Amino acid sequence: MPKLKTKSGVKKRFKLTATGKLKHGVAGKRHRLISHNGKYIRQNRGTTVLSKADTATVKAWAPYGLN
């Protein structure tokens, strides 16, 4: 059987935690930040854990896991 390829977007956008959850950066922080209020910018700082429903989909795109 040939090897399965990992989606290159998944390699760039997600990290696996020690407990097997997926971390990802929050969206909406690249440009047009003046039109957003301060609370929106503060709450979208850093990374968040991906929801359980989406985790199964993303893990299928990375068949050999993520570093």
Protein backbone atom coordinates (compact mmCIF):
# COMPACT_ATOMS: atom_id res chain seq x y z
CA MET A 1 0.00 0.00 0.00
CA PRO A 2 1.24 3.51 -0.72
CA LYS A 3 1.74 5.95 2.10
CA LEU A 4 -1.09 8.38 2.90
CA LYS A 5 -0.30 12.05 2.56
CA THR A 6 -1.00 14.57 5.28
CA LYS A 7 -2.89 17.67 4.11
CA SER A 8 -0.31 20.44 4.00
CA GLY A 9 -2.77 22.98 5.45
CA VAL A 10 -3.22 20.82 8.54
CA LYS A 11 0.53 20.66 9.13
CA LYS A 12 0.71 24.45 9.14
CA ARG A 13 -2.39 25.25 11.18
CA PHE A 14 -2.73 22.69 13.98
CA LYS A 15 -0.66 21.31 16.87
CA LEU A 16 -1.46 18.25 18.98
CA THR A 17 -1.56 18.62 22.78
CA ALA A 18 -0.26 15.96 25.16
CA THR A 19 -3.81 14.74 25.82
CA GLY A 20 -4.60 14.37 22.11
CA LYS A 21 -6.58 17.57 21.59
CA LEU A 22 -5.89 19.97 18.72
CA LYS A 23 -4.78 23.56 19.20
CA HIS A 24 -5.39 26.18 16.51
CA GLY A 25 -4.97 29.89 16.08
CA VAL A 26 -8.12 31.98 16.09
CA ALA A 27 -9.44 33.56 12.90
CA GLY A 28 -10.10 37.22 12.21
CA LYS A 29 -6.81 38.74 13.36
CA ARG A 30 -4.99 39.50 10.10
CA HIS A 31 -6.35 42.80 8.83
CA ARG A 32 -9.22 45.29 9.29
CA LEU A 33 -8.67 45.31 13.05
CA ILE A 34 -9.67 48.96 13.42
CA SER A 35 -13.27 48.05 12.63
CA HIS A 36 -13.29 45.47 15.47
CA ASN A 37 -13.64 46.55 19.07
CA GLY A 38 -11.06 45.91 21.76
CA LYS A 39 -13.00 43.08 23.39
CA TYR A 40 -13.06 41.11 20.12
CA ILE A 41 -9.31 41.53 19.64
CA ARG A 42 -8.53 40.55 23.26
CA GLN A 43 -10.73 37.45 23.23
CA ASN A 44 -9.19 36.19 19.98
CA ARG A 45 -5.62 36.41 21.27
CA GLY A 46 -3.49 33.28 21.39
CA THR A 47 -4.72 29.79 20.57
CA THR A 48 -7.81 27.74 21.39
CA VAL A 49 -8.66 24.05 21.49
CA LEU A 50 -10.60 22.69 18.54
CA SER A 51 -14.10 21.35 19.22
CA LYS A 52 -14.57 17.62 19.61
CA ALA A 53 -16.75 17.39 16.48
CA ASP A 54 -14.08 18.99 14.28
CA THR A 55 -11.18 17.08 15.84
CA ALA A 56 -12.14 13.79 14.17
CA THR A 57 -12.20 15.43 10.75
CA VAL A 58 -8.83 17.11 11.16
CA LYS A 59 -7.19 13.96 12.54
CA ALA A 60 -8.36 12.09 9.43
CA TRP A 61 -6.42 14.61 7.33
CA ALA A 62 -3.25 13.80 9.33
CA PRO A 63 -3.12 9.98 9.25
CA TYR A 64 0.26 9.71 11.00
CA GLY A 65 -0.34 12.40 13.62
CA LEU A 66 1.12 15.88 14.04
CA ASN A 67 4.42 16.88 15.64
